[in-house]
PDB file of N, CA and C in Angstrom:
ATOM      1  N   UNK A   1      29.665 105.778  82.821  1.00  0.00           N
ATOM      2  CA  UNK A   1      29.560 107.159  82.377  1.00  0.00           C
ATOM      3  C   UNK A   1      29.681 107.218  80.867  1.00  0.00           C
ATOM      4  N   UNK A   2      29.013 108.221  80.318  1.00  0.00           N
ATOM      5  CA  UNK A   2      29.026 108.364  78.872  1.00  0.00           C
ATOM      6  C   UNK A   2      30.163 109.246  78.399  1.00  0.00           C
ATOM      7  N   UNK A   3      30.261 109.302  77.117  1.00  0.00           N
ATOM      8  CA  UNK A   3      31.290 110.103  76.478  1.00  0.00           C
ATOM      9  C   UNK A   3      30.848 111.567  76.426  1.00  0.00           C
ATOM     10  N   UNK A   4      31.778 112.472  76.563  1.00  0.00           N
ATOM     11  CA  UNK A   4      31.468 113.894  76.464  1.00  0.00           C
ATOM     12  C   UNK A   4      31.373 114.250  74.984  1.00  0.00           C
ATOM     13  N   UNK A   5      30.220 114.766  74.587  1.00  0.00           N
ATOM     14  CA  UNK A   5      29.987 115.091  73.181  1.00  0.00           C
ATOM     15  C   UNK A   5      29.958 116.597  72.982  1.00  0.00           C
ATOM     16  N   UNK A   6      29.704 116.985  71.747  1.00  0.00           N
ATOM     17  CA  UNK A   6      29.644 118.396  71.408  1.00  0.00           C
ATOM     18  C   UNK A   6      28.480 119.080  72.125  1.00  0.00           C
ATOM     19  N   UNK A   7      27.418 118.332  72.379  1.00  0.00           N
ATOM     20  CA  UNK A   7      26.246 118.917  73.041  1.00  0.00           C
ATOM     21  C   UNK A   7      26.539 119.313  74.488  1.00  0.00           C
ATOM     22  N   UNK A   8      27.431 118.597  75.140  1.00  0.00           N
ATOM     23  CA  UNK A   8      27.808 118.963  76.507  1.00  0.00           C
ATOM     24  C   UNK A   8      28.529 120.318  76.524  1.00  0.00           C
ATOM     25  N   UNK A   9      29.436 120.503  75.572  1.00  0.00           N
ATOM     26  CA  UNK A   9      30.151 121.776  75.506  1.00  0.00           C
ATOM     27  C   UNK A   9      29.216 122.927  75.129  1.00  0.00           C
ATOM     28  N   UNK A  10      28.311 122.646  74.190  1.00  0.00           N
ATOM     29  CA  UNK A  10      27.365 123.693  73.801  1.00  0.00           C
ATOM     30  C   UNK A  10      26.426 124.046  74.943  1.00  0.00           C
ATOM     31  N   UNK A  11      26.012 123.046  75.722  1.00  0.00           N
ATOM     32  CA  UNK A  11      25.167 123.330  76.876  1.00  0.00           C
ATOM     33  C   UNK A  11      25.930 124.135  77.919  1.00  0.00           C
ATOM     34  N   UNK A  12      27.203 123.832  78.127  1.00  0.00           N
ATOM     35  CA  UNK A  12      28.015 124.604  79.072  1.00  0.00           C
ATOM     36  C   UNK A  12      28.140 126.056  78.614  1.00  0.00           C
ATOM     37  N   UNK A  13      28.400 126.264  77.327  1.00  0.00           N
ATOM     38  CA  UNK A  13      28.476 127.623  76.802  1.00  0.00           C
ATOM     39  C   UNK A  13      27.160 128.368  76.932  1.00  0.00           C
ATOM     40  N   UNK A  14      26.053 127.665  76.646  1.00  0.00           N
ATOM     41  CA  UNK A  14      24.733 128.279  76.786  1.00  0.00           C
ATOM     42  C   UNK A  14      24.425 128.613  78.240  1.00  0.00           C
ATOM     43  N   UNK A  15      24.772 127.705  79.150  1.00  0.00           N
ATOM     44  CA  UNK A  15      24.514 127.950  80.573  1.00  0.00           C
ATOM     45  C   UNK A  15      25.297 129.161  81.065  1.00  0.00           C
ATOM     46  N   UNK A  16      26.567 129.273  80.687  1.00  0.00           N
ATOM     47  CA  UNK A  16      27.359 130.438  81.095  1.00  0.00           C
ATOM     48  C   UNK A  16      26.799 131.725  80.497  1.00  0.00           C
ATOM     49  N   UNK A  17      26.354 131.649  79.241  1.00  0.00           N
ATOM     50  CA  UNK A  17      25.782 132.824  78.602  1.00  0.00           C
ATOM     51  C   UNK A  17      24.508 133.272  79.311  1.00  0.00           C
ATOM     52  N   UNK A  18      23.637 132.329  79.643  1.00  0.00           N
ATOM     53  CA  UNK A  18      22.370 132.674  80.303  1.00  0.00           C
ATOM     54  C   UNK A  18      22.616 133.195  81.718  1.00  0.00           C
ATOM     55  N   UNK A  19      23.554 132.582  82.440  1.00  0.00           N
ATOM     56  CA  UNK A  19      23.890 133.063  83.786  1.00  0.00           C
ATOM     57  C   UNK A  19      24.422 134.497  83.708  1.00  0.00           C
ATOM     58  N   UNK A  20      25.295 134.767  82.748  1.00  0.00           N
ATOM     59  CA  UNK A  20      25.822 136.114  82.584  1.00  0.00           C
ATOM     60  C   UNK A  20      24.768 137.113  82.173  1.00  0.00           C
ATOM     61  N   UNK A  21      23.866 136.701  81.278  1.00  0.00           N
ATOM     62  CA  UNK A  21      22.798 137.591  80.848  1.00  0.00           C
ATOM     63  C   UNK A  21      21.852 137.915  81.994  1.00  0.00           C
ATOM     64  N   UNK A  22      21.480 136.892  82.759  1.00  0.00           N
ATOM     65  CA  UNK A  22      20.599 137.122  83.905  1.00  0.00           C
ATOM     66  C   UNK A  22      21.289 137.990  84.954  1.00  0.00           C
ATOM     67  N   UNK A  23      22.566 137.743  85.196  1.00  0.00           N
ATOM     68  CA  UNK A  23      23.292 138.537  86.180  1.00  0.00           C
ATOM     69  C   UNK A  23      23.445 139.987  85.773  1.00  0.00           C
ATOM     70  N   UNK A  24      23.637 140.236  84.484  1.00  0.00           N
ATOM     71  CA  UNK A  24      23.788 141.623  84.044  1.00  0.00           C
ATOM     72  C   UNK A  24      22.459 142.363  84.043  1.00  0.00           C
ATOM     73  N   UNK A  25      21.352 141.646  83.900  1.00  0.00           N
ATOM     74  CA  UNK A  25      20.036 142.301  83.932  1.00  0.00           C
ATOM     75  C   UNK A  25      19.561 142.521  85.364  1.00  0.00           C
ATOM     76  N   UNK A  26      19.768 141.529  86.233  1.00  0.00           N
ATOM     77  CA  UNK A  26      19.219 141.574  87.589  1.00  0.00           C
ATOM     78  C   UNK A  26      20.054 142.427  88.549  1.00  0.00           C
ATOM     79  N   UNK A  27      21.368 142.340  88.433  1.00  0.00           N
ATOM     80  CA  UNK A  27      22.240 142.947  89.428  1.00  0.00           C
ATOM     81  C   UNK A  27      22.237 144.474  89.341  1.00  0.00           C
ATOM     82  N   UNK A  28      22.368 145.119  90.498  1.00  0.00           N
ATOM     83  CA  UNK A  28      22.453 146.567  90.559  1.00  0.00           C
ATOM     84  C   UNK A  28      23.841 147.033  91.009  1.00  0.00           C
ATOM     85  N   UNK A  29      24.746 146.105  91.171  1.00  0.00           N
ATOM     86  CA  UNK A  29      26.110 146.412  91.585  1.00  0.00           C
ATOM     87  C   UNK A  29      27.003 146.414  90.340  1.00  0.00           C
ATOM     88  N   UNK A  30      27.808 147.435  90.175  1.00  0.00           N
ATOM     89  CA  UNK A  30      28.589 147.620  88.956  1.00  0.00           C
ATOM     90  C   UNK A  30      29.580 146.471  88.744  1.00  0.00           C
ATOM     91  N   UNK A  31      30.253 146.049  89.792  1.00  0.00           N
ATOM     92  CA  UNK A  31      31.242 144.982  89.662  1.00  0.00           C
ATOM     93  C   UNK A  31      30.569 143.666  89.273  1.00  0.00           C
ATOM     94  N   UNK A  32      29.396 143.397  89.820  1.00  0.00           N
ATOM     95  CA  UNK A  32      28.667 142.176  89.455  1.00  0.00           C
ATOM     96  C   UNK A  32      28.240 142.201  87.992  1.00  0.00           C
ATOM     97  N   UNK A  33      27.884 143.353  87.485  1.00  0.00           N
ATOM     98  CA  UNK A  33      27.517 143.470  86.076  1.00  0.00           C
ATOM     99  C   UNK A  33      28.732 143.203  85.193  1.00  0.00           C
ATOM    100  N   UNK A  34      29.892 143.712  85.572  1.00  0.00           N
ATOM    101  CA  UNK A  34      31.106 143.464  84.800  1.00  0.00           C
ATOM    102  C   UNK A  34      31.486 141.986  84.811  1.00  0.00           C
ATOM    103  N   UNK A  35      31.348 141.335  85.951  1.00  0.00           N
ATOM    104  CA  UNK A  35      31.638 139.905  86.029  1.00  0.00           C
ATOM    105  C   UNK A  35      30.633 139.125  85.188  1.00  0.00           C
ATOM    106  N   UNK A  36      29.387 139.560  85.168  1.00  0.00           N
ATOM    107  CA  UNK A  36      28.373 138.893  84.345  1.00  0.00           C
ATOM    108  C   UNK A  36      28.690 139.028  82.862  1.00  0.00           C
ATOM    109  N   UNK A  37      29.199 140.157  82.456  1.00  0.00           N
ATOM    110  CA  UNK A  37      29.602 140.334  81.057  1.00  0.00           C
ATOM    111  C   UNK A  37      30.762 139.406  80.725  1.00  0.00           C
ATOM    112  N   UNK A  38      31.661 139.201  81.655  1.00  0.00           N
ATOM    113  CA  UNK A  38      32.752 138.246  81.434  1.00  0.00           C
ATOM    114  C   UNK A  38      32.225 136.814  81.320  1.00  0.00           C
ATOM    115  N   UNK A  39      31.172 136.482  82.075  1.00  0.00           N
ATOM    116  CA  UNK A  39      30.539 135.170  81.924  1.00  0.00           C
ATOM    117  C   UNK A  39      29.972 135.014  80.517  1.00  0.00           C
ATOM    118  N   UNK A  40      29.351 136.069  79.996  1.00  0.00           N
ATOM    119  CA  UNK A  40      28.801 136.021  78.642  1.00  0.00           C
ATOM    120  C   UNK A  40      29.916 135.766  77.635  1.00  0.00           C
ATOM    121  N   UNK A  41      31.010 136.489  77.755  1.00  0.00           N
ATOM    122  CA  UNK A  41      32.128 136.299  76.827  1.00  0.00           C
ATOM    123  C   UNK A  41      32.737 134.909  76.946  1.00  0.00           C
ATOM    124  N   UNK A  42      32.789 134.363  78.151  1.00  0.00           N
ATOM    125  CA  UNK A  42      33.314 133.014  78.337  1.00  0.00           C
ATOM    126  C   UNK A  42      32.418 131.976  77.678  1.00  0.00           C
ATOM    127  N   UNK A  43      31.104 132.141  77.797  1.00  0.00           N
ATOM    128  CA  UNK A  43      30.180 131.228  77.132  1.00  0.00           C
ATOM    129  C   UNK A  43      30.325 131.272  75.622  1.00  0.00           C
ATOM    130  N   UNK A  44      30.498 132.458  75.068  1.00  0.00           N
ATOM    131  CA  UNK A  44      30.698 132.598  73.630  1.00  0.00           C
ATOM    132  C   UNK A  44      32.016 131.963  73.207  1.00  0.00           C
ATOM    133  N   UNK A  45      33.066 132.156  73.997  1.00  0.00           N
ATOM    134  CA  UNK A  45      34.364 131.554  73.676  1.00  0.00           C
ATOM    135  C   UNK A  45      34.308 130.035  73.692  1.00  0.00           C
ATOM    136  N   UNK A  46      33.584 129.457  74.641  1.00  0.00           N
ATOM    137  CA  UNK A  46      33.447 128.003  74.683  1.00  0.00           C
ATOM    138  C   UNK A  46      32.752 127.506  73.420  1.00  0.00           C
ATOM    139  N   UNK A  47      31.749 128.225  72.965  1.00  0.00           N
ATOM    140  CA  UNK A  47      31.069 127.820  71.730  1.00  0.00           C
ATOM    141  C   UNK A  47      31.980 127.958  70.510  1.00  0.00           C
ATOM    142  N   UNK A  48      32.763 129.027  70.434  1.00  0.00           N
ATOM    143  CA  UNK A  48      33.700 129.171  69.323  1.00  0.00           C
ATOM    144  C   UNK A  48      34.704 128.024  69.284  1.00  0.00           C
ATOM    145  N   UNK A  49      35.261 127.692  70.428  1.00  0.00           N
ATOM    146  CA  UNK A  49      36.256 126.626  70.473  1.00  0.00           C
ATOM    147  C   UNK A  49      35.609 125.275  70.183  1.00  0.00           C
ATOM    148  N   UNK A  50      34.374 125.080  70.643  1.00  0.00           N
ATOM    149  CA  UNK A  50      33.665 123.830  70.355  1.00  0.00           C
ATOM    150  C   UNK A  50      33.449 123.664  68.861  1.00  0.00           C
ATOM    151  N   UNK A  51      32.980 124.697  68.196  1.00  0.00           N
ATOM    152  CA  UNK A  51      32.763 124.597  66.760  1.00  0.00           C
ATOM    153  C   UNK A  51      34.073 124.470  66.004  1.00  0.00           C
ATOM    154  N   UNK A  52      35.137 125.099  66.488  1.00  0.00           N
ATOM    155  CA  UNK A  52      36.431 124.960  65.829  1.00  0.00           C
ATOM    156  C   UNK A  52      36.973 123.544  65.984  1.00  0.00           C
ATOM    157  N   UNK A  53      36.673 122.888  67.090  1.00  0.00           N
ATOM    158  CA  UNK A  53      37.170 121.541  67.326  1.00  0.00           C
ATOM    159  C   UNK A  53      36.359 120.496  66.581  1.00  0.00           C
ATOM    160  N   UNK A  54      35.047 120.626  66.588  1.00  0.00           N
ATOM    161  CA  UNK A  54      34.189 119.576  66.058  1.00  0.00           C
ATOM    162  C   UNK A  54      33.780 119.757  64.600  1.00  0.00           C
ATOM    163  N   UNK A  55      34.012 120.895  64.011  1.00  0.00           N
ATOM    164  CA  UNK A  55      33.675 121.086  62.601  1.00  0.00           C
ATOM    165  C   UNK A  55      34.852 120.652  61.744  1.00  0.00           C
ATOM    166  N   UNK A  56      34.560 120.128  60.578  1.00  0.00           N
ATOM    167  CA  UNK A  56      35.610 119.644  59.679  1.00  0.00           C
ATOM    168  C   UNK A  56      36.031 120.670  58.649  1.00  0.00           C
ATOM    169  N   UNK A  57      35.598 121.886  58.816  1.00  0.00           N
ATOM    170  CA  UNK A  57      35.978 122.910  57.857  1.00  0.00           C
ATOM    171  C   UNK A  57      37.404 123.351  58.147  1.00  0.00           C
ATOM    172  N   UNK A  58      38.303 123.229  57.198  1.00  0.00           N
ATOM    173  CA  UNK A  58      39.716 123.541  57.472  1.00  0.00           C
ATOM    174  C   UNK A  58      39.992 125.035  57.634  1.00  0.00           C
ATOM    175  N   UNK A  59      39.114 125.913  57.147  1.00  0.00           N
ATOM    176  CA  UNK A  59      39.383 127.347  57.229  1.00  0.00           C
ATOM    177  C   UNK A  59      38.644 128.022  58.371  1.00  0.00           C
ATOM    178  N   UNK A  60      38.020 127.267  59.246  1.00  0.00           N
ATOM    179  CA  UNK A  60      37.282 127.859  60.372  1.00  0.00           C
ATOM    180  C   UNK A  60      38.271 128.252  61.457  1.00  0.00           C
ATOM    181  N   UNK A  61      38.284 129.501  61.818  1.00  0.00           N
ATOM    182  CA  UNK A  61      39.275 130.024  62.754  1.00  0.00           C
ATOM    183  C   UNK A  61      38.643 130.354  64.097  1.00  0.00           C
ATOM    184  N   UNK A  62      38.004 129.378  64.712  1.00  0.00           N
ATOM    185  CA  UNK A  62      37.356 129.598  66.008  1.00  0.00           C
ATOM    186  C   UNK A  62      38.334 129.867  67.126  1.00  0.00           C
ATOM    187  N   UNK A  63      39.512 129.240  67.036  1.00  0.00           N
ATOM    188  CA  UNK A  63      40.516 129.456  68.082  1.00  0.00           C
ATOM    189  C   UNK A  63      41.026 130.896  68.067  1.00  0.00           C
ATOM    190  N   UNK A  64      41.269 131.428  66.887  1.00  0.00           N
ATOM    191  CA  UNK A  64      41.759 132.798  66.777  1.00  0.00           C
ATOM    192  C   UNK A  64      40.679 133.783  67.222  1.00  0.00           C
ATOM    193  N   UNK A  65      39.435 133.494  66.851  1.00  0.00           N
ATOM    194  CA  UNK A  65      38.335 134.361  67.264  1.00  0.00           C
ATOM    195  C   UNK A  65      38.161 134.337  68.777  1.00  0.00           C
ATOM    196  N   UNK A  66      38.282 133.149  69.391  1.00  0.00           N
ATOM    197  CA  UNK A  66      38.166 133.051  70.847  1.00  0.00           C
ATOM    198  C   UNK A  66      39.311 133.791  71.533  1.00  0.00           C
ATOM    199  N   UNK A  67      40.503 133.696  70.990  1.00  0.00           N
ATOM    200  CA  UNK A  67      41.640 134.425  71.556  1.00  0.00           C
ATOM    201  C   UNK A  67      41.438 135.931  71.425  1.00  0.00           C
ATOM    202  N   UNK A  68      40.900 136.358  70.284  1.00  0.00           N
ATOM    203  CA  UNK A  68      40.608 137.774  70.078  1.00  0.00           C
ATOM    204  C   UNK A  68      39.558 138.256  71.073  1.00  0.00           C
ATOM    205  N   UNK A  69      38.502 137.462  71.281  1.00  0.00           N
ATOM    206  CA  UNK A  69      37.469 137.838  72.241  1.00  0.00           C
ATOM    207  C   UNK A  69      38.002 137.871  73.671  1.00  0.00           C
ATOM    208  N   UNK A  70      38.919 136.979  74.006  1.00  0.00           N
ATOM    209  CA  UNK A  70      39.513 136.997  75.347  1.00  0.00           C
ATOM    210  C   UNK A  70      40.326 138.275  75.554  1.00  0.00           C
ATOM    211  N   UNK A  71      41.056 138.678  74.519  1.00  0.00           N
ATOM    212  CA  UNK A  71      41.836 139.912  74.619  1.00  0.00           C
ATOM    213  C   UNK A  71      40.918 141.131  74.711  1.00  0.00           C
ATOM    214  N   UNK A  72      39.860 141.148  73.905  1.00  0.00           N
ATOM    215  CA  UNK A  72      38.898 142.257  73.958  1.00  0.00           C
ATOM    216  C   UNK A  72      38.215 142.300  75.322  1.00  0.00           C
ATOM    217  N   UNK A  73      37.900 141.120  75.878  1.00  0.00           N
ATOM    218  CA  UNK A  73      37.266 141.067  77.197  1.00  0.00           C
ATOM    219  C   UNK A  73      38.160 141.614  78.291  1.00  0.00           C
ATOM    220  N   UNK A  74      39.463 141.323  78.206  1.00  0.00           N
ATOM    221  CA  UNK A  74      40.398 141.836  79.207  1.00  0.00           C
ATOM    222  C   UNK A  74      40.524 143.358  79.113  1.00  0.00           C
ATOM    223  N   UNK A  75      40.600 143.869  77.907  1.00  0.00           N
ATOM    224  CA  UNK A  75      40.696 145.318  77.715  1.00  0.00           C
ATOM    225  C   UNK A  75      39.403 145.994  78.157  1.00  0.00           C
ATOM    226  N   UNK A  76      38.267 145.381  77.805  1.00  0.00           N
ATOM    227  CA  UNK A  76      36.972 145.936  78.197  1.00  0.00           C
ATOM    228  C   UNK A  76      36.844 146.006  79.710  1.00  0.00           C
ATOM    229  N   UNK A  77      37.273 144.966  80.399  1.00  0.00           N
ATOM    230  CA  UNK A  77      37.189 144.950  81.855  1.00  0.00           C
ATOM    231  C   UNK A  77      38.106 145.998  82.471  1.00  0.00           C
ATOM    232  N   UNK A  78      39.300 146.158  81.933  1.00  0.00           N
ATOM    233  CA  UNK A  78      40.223 147.160  82.471  1.00  0.00           C
ATOM    234  C   UNK A  78      39.680 148.578  82.289  1.00  0.00           C
ATOM    235  N   UNK A  79      39.144 148.864  81.122  1.00  0.00           N
ATOM    236  CA  UNK A  79      38.597 150.202  80.866  1.00  0.00           C
ATOM    237  C   UNK A  79      37.360 150.440  81.725  1.00  0.00           C
ATOM    238  N   UNK A  80      36.502 149.442  81.834  1.00  0.00           N
ATOM    239  CA  UNK A  80      35.288 149.604  82.630  1.00  0.00           C
ATOM    240  C   UNK A  80      35.611 149.792  84.111  1.00  0.00           C
ATOM    241  N   UNK A  81      36.592 149.061  84.614  1.00  0.00           N
ATOM    242  CA  UNK A  81      36.981 149.235  86.016  1.00  0.00           C
ATOM    243  C   UNK A  81      37.568 150.623  86.261  1.00  0.00           C
ATOM    244  N   UNK A  82      38.325 151.143  85.304  1.00  0.00           N
ATOM    245  CA  UNK A  82      38.883 152.476  85.462  1.00  0.00           C
ATOM    246  C   UNK A  82      37.777 153.537  85.448  1.00  0.00           C
ATOM    247  N   UNK A  83      36.812 153.383  84.548  1.00  0.00           N
ATOM    248  CA  UNK A  83      35.684 154.321  84.510  1.00  0.00           C
ATOM    249  C   UNK A  83      34.884 154.239  85.800  1.00  0.00           C
ATOM    250  N   UNK A  84      34.673 153.002  86.300  1.00  0.00           N
ATOM    251  CA  UNK A  84      33.964 152.846  87.566  1.00  0.00           C
ATOM    252  C   UNK A  84      34.739 153.494  88.708  1.00  0.00           C
ATOM    253  N   UNK A  85      36.051 153.354  88.717  1.00  0.00           N
ATOM    254  CA  UNK A  85      36.875 153.977  89.754  1.00  0.00           C
ATOM    255  C   UNK A  85      36.716 155.504  89.732  1.00  0.00           C
ATOM    256  N   UNK A  86      36.742 156.089  88.545  1.00  0.00           N
ATOM    257  CA  UNK A  86      36.585 157.542  88.447  1.00  0.00           C
ATOM    258  C   UNK A  86      35.201 157.991  88.898  1.00  0.00           C
ATOM    259  N   UNK A  87      34.177 157.228  88.522  1.00  0.00           N
ATOM    260  CA  UNK A  87      32.819 157.607  88.918  1.00  0.00           C
ATOM    261  C   UNK A  87      32.570 157.328  90.395  1.00  0.00           C
ATOM    262  N   UNK A  88      33.208 156.293  90.941  1.00  0.00           N
ATOM    263  CA  UNK A  88      33.034 156.003  92.360  1.00  0.00           C
ATOM    264  C   UNK A  88      33.613 157.129  93.209  1.00  0.00           C
ATOM    265  N   UNK A  89      34.715 157.706  92.769  1.00  0.00           N
ATOM    266  CA  UNK A  89      35.294 158.829  93.512  1.00  0.00           C
ATOM    267  C   UNK A  89      34.341 160.019  93.563  1.00  0.00           C
ATOM    268  N   UNK A  90      33.501 160.140  92.541  1.00  0.00           N
ATOM    269  CA  UNK A  90      32.557 161.258  92.494  1.00  0.00           C
ATOM    270  C   UNK A  90      31.266 160.946  93.257  1.00  0.00           C
ATOM    271  N   UNK A  91      30.703 159.741  93.093  1.00  0.00           N
ATOM    272  CA  UNK A  91      29.388 159.413  93.659  1.00  0.00           C
ATOM    273  C   UNK A  91      29.462 158.676  94.996  1.00  0.00           C
ATOM    274  N   UNK A  92      30.547 157.957  95.291  1.00  0.00           N
ATOM    275  CA  UNK A  92      30.716 157.181  96.522  1.00  0.00           C
ATOM    276  C   UNK A  92      29.623 156.123  96.688  1.00  0.00           C
ATOM    277  N   UNK A  93      29.280 155.436  95.599  1.00  0.00           N
ATOM    278  CA  UNK A  93      28.266 154.388  95.658  1.00  0.00           C
ATOM    279  C   UNK A  93      28.553 153.335  94.596  1.00  0.00           C
ATOM    280  N   UNK A  94      28.199 152.062  94.919  1.00  0.00           N
ATOM    281  CA  UNK A  94      28.356 150.975  93.953  1.00  0.00           C
ATOM    282  C   UNK A  94      27.069 150.685  93.205  1.00  0.00           C
ATOM    283  N   UNK A  95      25.977 151.324  93.574  1.00  0.00           N
ATOM    284  CA  UNK A  95      24.684 151.074  92.962  1.00  0.00           C
ATOM    285  C   UNK A  95      24.658 151.630  91.552  1.00  0.00           C
ATOM    286  N   UNK A  96      24.268 150.785  90.597  1.00  0.00           N
ATOM    287  CA  UNK A  96      24.313 151.168  89.195  1.00  0.00           C
ATOM    288  C   UNK A  96      23.261 152.218  88.839  1.00  0.00           C
ATOM    289  N   UNK A  97      22.225 152.342  89.635  1.00  0.00           N
ATOM    290  CA  UNK A  97      21.178 153.323  89.354  1.00  0.00           C
ATOM    291  C   UNK A  97      21.646 154.749  89.575  1.00  0.00           C
ATOM    292  N   UNK A  98      22.693 154.951  90.353  1.00  0.00           N
ATOM    293  CA  UNK A  98      23.211 156.295  90.595  1.00  0.00           C
ATOM    294  C   UNK A  98      24.139 156.781  89.492  1.00  0.00           C
ATOM    295  N   UNK A  99      24.454 155.882  88.523  1.00  0.00           N
ATOM    296  CA  UNK A  99      25.369 156.231  87.455  1.00  0.00           C
ATOM    297  C   UNK A  99      24.626 156.464  86.139  1.00  0.00           C
ATOM    298  N   UNK A 100      23.439 157.019  86.192  1.00  0.00           N
ATOM    299  CA  UNK A 100      22.647 157.253  85.007  1.00  0.00           C
ATOM    300  C   UNK A 100      23.085 158.461  84.190  1.00  0.00           C
ATOM    301  N   UNK A 101      24.028 159.236  84.688  1.00  0.00           N
ATOM    302  CA  UNK A 101      24.428 160.454  83.996  1.00  0.00           C
ATOM    303  C   UNK A 101      25.498 160.240  82.938  1.00  0.00           C
ATOM    304  N   UNK A 102      25.804 158.996  82.610  1.00  0.00           N
ATOM    305  CA  UNK A 102      26.751 158.742  81.532  1.00  0.00           C
ATOM    306  C   UNK A 102      26.099 159.145  80.249  1.00  0.00           C
TER     307      UNK A 102
END
């Protein structure tokens, strides 16, 4: 087996980003769209941490940026789930096409 290089991590980040992007475009279920957005953020975080690890620039703060994005992602998911809960009580449907009145 070969050594794991920077390209493996970048490919993993790209794959997660593309899976999340495709899932958020294709899916019509609100919860699946939110999970797809979390996949996108995870792919971006993997790339930030990869560049922070493999770059020799001493002032590159990829770890702090990834931590900030993880915190923003958690807050975004909590707010989105609460908004979905309020709208679900009104519409009684998980289909994203019924929520066009935002």
